[in-house]
C-alpha atoms as a PDB file:
ATOM      1  CA  UNK A   1       0.000   0.000   0.000  1.00  0.00           C
ATOM      2  CA  UNK A   2       1.290   3.427  -0.975  1.00  0.00           C
ATOM      3  CA  UNK A   3       1.299   6.351   1.417  1.00  0.00           C
ATOM      4  CA  UNK A   4      -0.848   9.271   0.268  1.00  0.00           C
ATOM      5  CA  UNK A   5       0.894  12.600   0.902  1.00  0.00           C
ATOM      6  CA  UNK A   6      -2.196  14.687   0.182  1.00  0.00           C
ATOM      7  CA  UNK A   7      -4.257  12.855   2.808  1.00  0.00           C
ATOM      8  CA  UNK A   8      -1.414  13.017   5.326  1.00  0.00           C
ATOM      9  CA  UNK A   9      -1.043  16.748   4.752  1.00  0.00           C
ATOM     10  CA  UNK A  10      -4.776  17.309   5.205  1.00  0.00           C
ATOM     11  CA  UNK A  11      -4.826  15.240   8.382  1.00  0.00           C
ATOM     12  CA  UNK A  12      -1.888  17.089   9.949  1.00  0.00           C
ATOM     13  CA  UNK A  13      -3.291  20.464   8.915  1.00  0.00           C
ATOM     14  CA  UNK A  14      -6.690  19.643  10.430  1.00  0.00           C
ATOM     15  CA  UNK A  15      -5.122  18.381  13.653  1.00  0.00           C
ATOM     16  CA  UNK A  16      -2.886  21.445  13.914  1.00  0.00           C
ATOM     17  CA  UNK A  17      -5.637  23.974  13.252  1.00  0.00           C
ATOM     18  CA  UNK A  18      -8.106  22.321  15.627  1.00  0.00           C
ATOM     19  CA  UNK A  19      -5.451  21.822  18.317  1.00  0.00           C
ATOM     20  CA  UNK A  20      -4.320  25.432  18.076  1.00  0.00           C
ATOM     21  CA  UNK A  21      -7.936  26.616  18.291  1.00  0.00           C
ATOM     22  CA  UNK A  22      -8.547  24.520  21.400  1.00  0.00           C
ATOM     23  CA  UNK A  23      -5.409  25.969  22.981  1.00  0.00           C
ATOM     24  CA  UNK A  24      -6.702  29.458  22.178  1.00  0.00           C
ATOM     25  CA  UNK A  25     -10.017  28.613  23.866  1.00  0.00           C
ATOM     26  CA  UNK A  26      -8.125  27.467  26.967  1.00  0.00           C
ATOM     27  CA  UNK A  27      -6.111  30.719  26.957  1.00  0.00           C
ATOM     28  CA  UNK A  28      -9.352  32.716  26.723  1.00  0.00           C
ATOM     29  CA  UNK A  29     -10.901  30.822  29.633  1.00  0.00           C
ATOM     30  CA  UNK A  30      -7.784  31.181  31.779  1.00  0.00           C
ATOM     31  CA  UNK A  31      -7.488  34.880  30.919  1.00  0.00           C
ATOM     32  CA  UNK A  32     -11.086  35.435  31.964  1.00  0.00           C
ATOM     33  CA  UNK A  33     -10.529  33.500  35.181  1.00  0.00           C
ATOM     34  CA  UNK A  34      -7.354  35.359  36.159  1.00  0.00           C
ATOM     35  CA  UNK A  35      -8.457  38.741  34.745  1.00  0.00           C
ATOM     36  CA  UNK A  36      -5.705  39.005  32.124  1.00  0.00           C
ATOM     37  CA  UNK A  37      -6.025  41.084  28.989  1.00  0.00           C
ATOM     38  CA  UNK A  38      -5.513  39.141  25.762  1.00  0.00           C
ATOM     39  CA  UNK A  39      -5.181  40.395  22.181  1.00  0.00           C
ATOM     40  CA  UNK A  40      -8.201  40.319  19.924  1.00  0.00           C
ATOM     41  CA  UNK A  41      -6.496  37.913  17.507  1.00  0.00           C
ATOM     42  CA  UNK A  42      -6.443  35.226  20.189  1.00  0.00           C
ATOM     43  CA  UNK A  43     -10.157  35.745  20.737  1.00  0.00           C
ATOM     44  CA  UNK A  44     -10.919  35.498  17.012  1.00  0.00           C
ATOM     45  CA  UNK A  45      -8.713  32.465  16.372  1.00  0.00           C
ATOM     46  CA  UNK A  46     -11.234  29.763  17.395  1.00  0.00           C
ATOM     47  CA  UNK A  47     -13.943  31.483  15.358  1.00  0.00           C
ATOM     48  CA  UNK A  48     -11.860  30.935  12.221  1.00  0.00           C
ATOM     49  CA  UNK A  49      -9.870  27.834  13.157  1.00  0.00           C
ATOM     50  CA  UNK A  50     -12.648  25.468  14.182  1.00  0.00           C
ATOM     51  CA  UNK A  51     -14.736  25.876  10.991  1.00  0.00           C
ATOM     52  CA  UNK A  52     -11.544  25.632   8.919  1.00  0.00           C
ATOM     53  CA  UNK A  53     -10.644  22.411  10.731  1.00  0.00           C
ATOM     54  CA  UNK A  54     -14.112  21.030  10.022  1.00  0.00           C
ATOM     55  CA  UNK A  55     -13.733  21.833   6.313  1.00  0.00           C
ATOM     56  CA  UNK A  56     -10.288  20.180   6.243  1.00  0.00           C
ATOM     57  CA  UNK A  57     -11.681  17.017   7.849  1.00  0.00           C
ATOM     58  CA  UNK A  58     -14.557  16.999   5.366  1.00  0.00           C
ATOM     59  CA  UNK A  59     -12.118  17.357   2.427  1.00  0.00           C
ATOM     60  CA  UNK A  60     -10.014  14.545   3.913  1.00  0.00           C
ATOM     61  CA  UNK A  61     -13.090  12.324   4.089  1.00  0.00           C
ATOM     62  CA  UNK A  62     -13.980  13.032   0.457  1.00  0.00           C
ATOM     63  CA  UNK A  63     -10.391  12.471  -0.723  1.00  0.00           C
ATOM     64  CA  UNK A  64     -10.261   9.169   1.143  1.00  0.00           C
ATOM     65  CA  UNK A  65     -13.563   8.035  -0.379  1.00  0.00           C
ATOM     66  CA  UNK A  66     -12.351   8.920  -3.889  1.00  0.00           C
ATOM     67  CA  UNK A  67      -9.078   7.053  -3.354  1.00  0.00           C
ATOM     68  CA  UNK A  68     -10.828   3.943  -2.059  1.00  0.00           C
ATOM     69  CA  UNK A  69     -13.299   3.931  -4.940  1.00  0.00           C
ATOM     70  CA  UNK A  70     -10.396   4.126  -7.411  1.00  0.00           C
ATOM     71  CA  UNK A  71      -8.616   1.274  -5.651  1.00  0.00           C
ATOM     72  CA  UNK A  72     -11.715  -0.948  -5.889  1.00  0.00           C
ATOM     73  CA  UNK A  73     -11.964  -0.643  -9.679  1.00  0.00           C
END
């Protein structure tokens, strides 16, 4: 079986974006708890990162389905 670089890239990108967004959410919660001021970019990061991660996972699912259908022919 051959390793698919496109699928690996999508998987790592999705994991990185979602992981970074979850870390930003934790920073926001901790900043609110300890009354720290945080930049607006940190606040906006999960609003962009989580939907982008969802789209990347959806594209990965479609790419995997296309690859498997080609292998079954």
